[in-house]
Protein backbone atom coordinates (compact mmCIF):
# COMPACT_ATOMS: atom_id res chain seq x y z
CA UNK A 1 -0.26 0.18 0.40
CA UNK A 2 0.98 3.43 -0.60
CA UNK A 3 0.45 6.56 1.30
CA UNK A 4 -0.02 10.14 -0.37
CA UNK A 5 0.39 13.02 1.80
CA UNK A 6 -1.85 15.18 2.31
CA UNK A 7 0.34 18.37 0.88
CA UNK A 8 0.78 18.53 -1.99
CA UNK A 9 -1.68 15.89 -2.63
CA UNK A 10 0.48 14.71 -5.62
CA UNK A 11 -0.75 11.13 -5.20
CA UNK A 12 -4.17 11.38 -5.53
CA UNK A 13 -4.16 13.56 -8.81
CA UNK A 14 -4.14 10.81 -11.43
CA UNK A 15 -7.25 8.97 -9.85
CA UNK A 16 -9.39 12.17 -9.03
CA UNK A 17 -11.59 13.38 -12.29
CA UNK A 18 -10.39 16.69 -13.34
CA UNK A 19 -11.58 20.00 -11.29
CA UNK A 20 -12.30 17.74 -8.43
CA UNK A 21 -8.35 17.96 -6.38
CA UNK A 22 -9.18 21.97 -5.00
CA UNK A 23 -12.15 20.85 -3.11
CA UNK A 24 -10.68 17.16 -1.74
CA UNK A 25 -8.13 19.16 -0.22
CA UNK A 26 -10.62 22.13 1.61
CA UNK A 27 -11.81 18.77 3.11
CA UNK A 28 -9.27 17.47 4.11
CA UNK A 29 -6.90 20.23 4.83
CA UNK A 30 -8.22 21.08 8.71
CA UNK A 31 -7.33 17.20 9.79
CA UNK A 32 -4.29 15.69 10.35
CA UNK A 33 -4.76 12.55 8.28
CA UNK A 34 -3.20 10.46 5.47
CA UNK A 35 -4.83 8.72 2.25
CA UNK A 36 -3.87 5.71 1.04
CA UNK A 37 -3.86 4.25 -2.54
CA UNK A 38 -4.85 0.22 -1.88
CA UNK A 39 -4.59 -2.71 -4.06
CA UNK A 40 -7.77 -4.27 -5.42
CA UNK A 41 -10.16 -5.47 -2.16
CA UNK A 42 -13.06 -7.10 -3.75
CA UNK A 43 -14.65 -7.05 0.52
CA UNK A 44 -14.50 -3.33 0.22
CA UNK A 45 -13.74 -0.14 -1.85
CA UNK A 46 -12.80 2.32 1.11
CA UNK A 47 -11.55 2.52 4.46
CA UNK A 48 -11.61 4.71 7.44
CA UNK A 49 -9.41 4.46 10.03
CA UNK A 50 -8.71 6.47 13.15
CA UNK A 51 -6.30 8.39 14.75
CA UNK A 52 -4.13 5.53 17.62
CA UNK A 53 -1.09 5.87 19.50
CA UNK A 54 -0.57 9.26 18.26
CA UNK A 55 -0.53 8.22 14.97
CA UNK A 56 -3.01 10.25 12.50
CA UNK A 57 -6.28 8.95 11.29
CA UNK A 58 -5.69 6.81 8.04
CA UNK A 59 -8.07 6.62 5.15
CA UNK A 60 -7.31 4.16 2.18
CA UNK A 61 -9.11 4.14 -1.31
CA UNK A 62 -8.88 1.45 -3.87
CA UNK A 63 -6.48 1.95 -6.66
CA UNK A 64 -7.97 0.11 -9.09
CA UNK A 65 -11.36 2.35 -9.34
CA UNK A 66 -12.54 4.48 -12.35
CA UNK A 67 -12.65 8.58 -11.57
CA UNK A 68 -15.33 8.93 -10.83
CA UNK A 69 -16.07 6.01 -8.38
CA UNK A 70 -13.08 6.59 -6.67
CA UNK A 71 -14.20 11.12 -6.10
CA UNK A 72 -17.42 9.01 -4.79
CA UNK A 73 -15.40 6.17 -2.15
CA UNK A 74 -13.18 9.32 -1.26
CA UNK A 75 -15.96 11.54 -0.40
CA UNK A 76 -17.46 8.81 1.41
CA UNK A 77 -14.43 8.29 3.69
CA UNK A 78 -13.71 11.74 4.33
CA UNK A 79 -17.31 11.90 6.00
CA UNK A 80 -16.30 9.35 8.54
CA UNK A 81 -13.42 11.83 8.91
CA UNK A 82 -15.83 14.78 9.89
CA UNK A 83 -17.98 13.06 11.87
CA UNK A 84 -14.96 11.49 13.36
CA UNK A 85 -13.90 14.64 13.99
CA UNK A 86 -17.27 16.04 15.53
CA UNK A 87 -18.55 13.45 17.73
CA UNK A 88 -15.53 11.63 18.11
CA UNK A 89 -16.17 7.83 19.14
CA UNK A 90 -19.69 8.20 20.87
CA UNK A 91 -21.00 7.56 17.15
CA UNK A 92 -22.15 4.76 14.93
CA UNK A 93 -19.94 4.31 11.45
CA UNK A 94 -23.08 4.44 9.46
CA UNK A 95 -25.49 6.06 11.60
CA UNK A 96 -26.99 10.15 11.18
CA UNK A 97 -23.60 12.19 11.90
CA UNK A 98 -21.98 10.71 9.20
CA UNK A 99 -25.19 10.50 6.79
CA UNK A 100 -25.56 14.44 8.08
CA UNK A 101 -21.41 14.84 6.81
CA UNK A 102 -22.01 13.06 3.59
CA UNK A 103 -25.00 15.03 2.38
CA UNK A 104 -23.11 18.23 2.80
CA UNK A 105 -20.11 16.84 0.68
CA UNK A 106 -22.34 15.50 -1.88
CA UNK A 107 -24.25 18.71 -2.21
CA UNK A 108 -20.77 20.50 -2.14
CA UNK A 109 -19.50 17.80 -4.62
CA UNK A 110 -22.42 18.22 -6.58
CA UNK A 111 -21.81 21.94 -7.07
CA UNK A 112 -18.50 20.65 -9.42
CA UNK A 113 -19.07 21.97 -12.98
CA UNK A 114 -16.96 19.90 -14.57
CA UNK A 115 -18.38 16.69 -12.94
CA UNK A 116 -20.90 14.84 -15.95
CA UNK A 117 -24.82 15.96 -15.22
CA UNK A 118 -25.85 13.00 -14.61
CA UNK A 119 -23.47 12.46 -11.72
CA UNK A 120 -23.52 15.16 -10.28
CA UNK A 121 -27.77 15.33 -10.13
CA UNK A 122 -27.66 11.50 -9.12
CA UNK A 123 -25.39 12.63 -6.12
CA UNK A 124 -27.79 15.21 -4.84
CA UNK A 125 -30.29 12.76 -4.74
CA UNK A 126 -28.50 10.47 -3.16
CA UNK A 127 -27.87 13.40 -0.75
CA UNK A 128 -31.29 12.93 0.68
CA UNK A 129 -30.49 9.76 2.12
CA UNK A 130 -27.21 8.48 1.80
CA UNK A 131 -26.58 4.66 1.69
CA UNK A 132 -23.66 3.00 3.55
CA UNK A 133 -22.52 1.67 -0.08
CA UNK A 134 -23.43 3.32 -3.43
CA UNK A 135 -24.49 0.13 -5.03
CA UNK A 136 -27.51 0.34 -2.52
CA UNK A 137 -28.41 3.39 -4.26
CA UNK A 138 -29.61 1.87 -7.99
CA UNK A 139 -29.80 5.34 -9.45
CA UNK A 140 -26.68 6.50 -8.89
CA UNK A 141 -24.93 3.44 -9.24
CA UNK A 142 -26.41 3.07 -12.91
CA UNK A 143 -24.73 6.03 -13.57
CA UNK A 144 -21.99 5.07 -12.44
CA UNK A 145 -21.88 2.21 -14.59
CA UNK A 146 -23.40 3.93 -17.64
CA UNK A 147 -20.53 6.52 -17.75
CA UNK A 148 -17.59 4.18 -16.46
CA UNK A 149 -18.17 0.56 -17.64
CA UNK A 150 -20.96 0.69 -20.37
CA UNK A 151 -20.13 -2.12 -21.41
CA UNK A 152 -21.54 -4.28 -18.46
CA UNK A 153 -25.05 -5.11 -17.07
CA UNK A 154 -26.85 -4.49 -13.58
CA UNK A 155 -28.57 -7.47 -12.28
CA UNK A 156 -32.02 -5.72 -11.27
CA UNK A 157 -32.05 -5.07 -15.49
CA UNK A 158 -32.18 -8.70 -16.10
CA UNK A 159 -35.71 -10.20 -16.30
CA UNK A 160 -36.72 -12.87 -14.32
CA UNK A 161 -36.35 -16.60 -15.69
CA UNK A 162 -33.07 -15.01 -17.79
CA UNK A 163 -29.85 -16.46 -17.55
CA UNK A 164 -26.44 -14.24 -17.09
CA UNK A 165 -22.89 -14.94 -16.28
CA UNK A 166 -20.91 -13.87 -13.43
CA UNK A 167 -17.72 -14.28 -12.11
CA UNK A 168 -16.73 -17.30 -15.14
CA UNK A 169 -19.98 -18.80 -13.57
CA UNK A 170 -23.18 -18.94 -15.89
CA UNK A 171 -26.85 -18.14 -13.32
CA UNK A 172 -30.84 -18.45 -13.48
CA UNK A 173 -32.37 -15.21 -12.07
CA UNK A 174 -35.31 -16.67 -10.42
CA UNK A 175 -36.73 -13.65 -8.37
CA UNK A 176 -35.67 -10.86 -6.51
CA UNK A 177 -35.32 -9.12 -2.62
CA UNK A 178 -35.35 -5.90 -1.48
CA UNK A 179 -30.94 -5.55 -1.96
CA UNK A 180 -30.21 -8.73 -3.59
CA UNK A 181 -31.77 -11.37 -6.15
CA UNK A 182 -31.95 -15.15 -6.09
CA UNK A 183 -29.68 -16.89 -8.79
CA UNK A 184 -29.76 -20.55 -9.56
CA UNK A 185 -25.89 -21.86 -10.39
CA UNK A 186 -27.03 -23.74 -13.50
CA UNK A 187 -23.70 -25.89 -12.73
CA UNK A 188 -24.10 -26.98 -9.23
CA UNK A 189 -28.13 -26.21 -8.67
CA UNK A 190 -27.34 -24.04 -5.90
CA UNK A 191 -29.31 -20.98 -4.94
CA UNK A 192 -27.44 -17.37 -4.28
CA UNK A 193 -28.15 -14.08 -3.41
CA UNK A 194 -26.22 -11.22 -5.61
CA UNK A 195 -26.72 -8.26 -4.90
CA UNK A 196 -29.18 -6.06 -7.73
CA UNK A 197 -26.14 -4.08 -8.40
CA UNK A 198 -23.63 -6.27 -9.59
CA UNK A 199 -22.58 -6.20 -12.89
CA UNK A 200 -23.18 -8.90 -15.07
CA UNK A 201 -23.25 -10.50 -18.76
CA UNK A 202 -26.47 -11.19 -19.81
CA UNK A 203 -26.60 -14.89 -22.03
């Protein structure tokens, strides 16, 4: 893992969309926090660690993310930093304090005119009711995928009873639950819950 010194932010410039670095700098400047570029992690896109034993706070973001998703993930983690700075340890990780901080940052981000209009509009809608992960907001996730990964199809858009491929295996979509879909592995016959926001390939 490599870390970017938050001043002069040289390690972030190649990962952020054009025109967003000044805002990110303003968000980070009041805090002692290192920003890390992590190897790809399947379990999470970013991470925030509170300061411990004389060490500054740490934020990590997966370095393989496309710019708009990288920016959104970084904003999510900076919201944790702001919430911790204001409330310390008396809050839940994605409780109302974090949601309030994240909503403020999302609205500021949506004012950056260099960002795609659809993305900015989706950020404003997401700010009304922030979620713990962007995948839980299918409107926002669809916009991200349409701009940065148009070759994929989100699972929620696949019809029930249709076949699709996901991570090298073929599935039959059976039904849709609240946040996931019940899908049957065509090779083993076993049923699995897969996120509605997963990128799949129709068969």
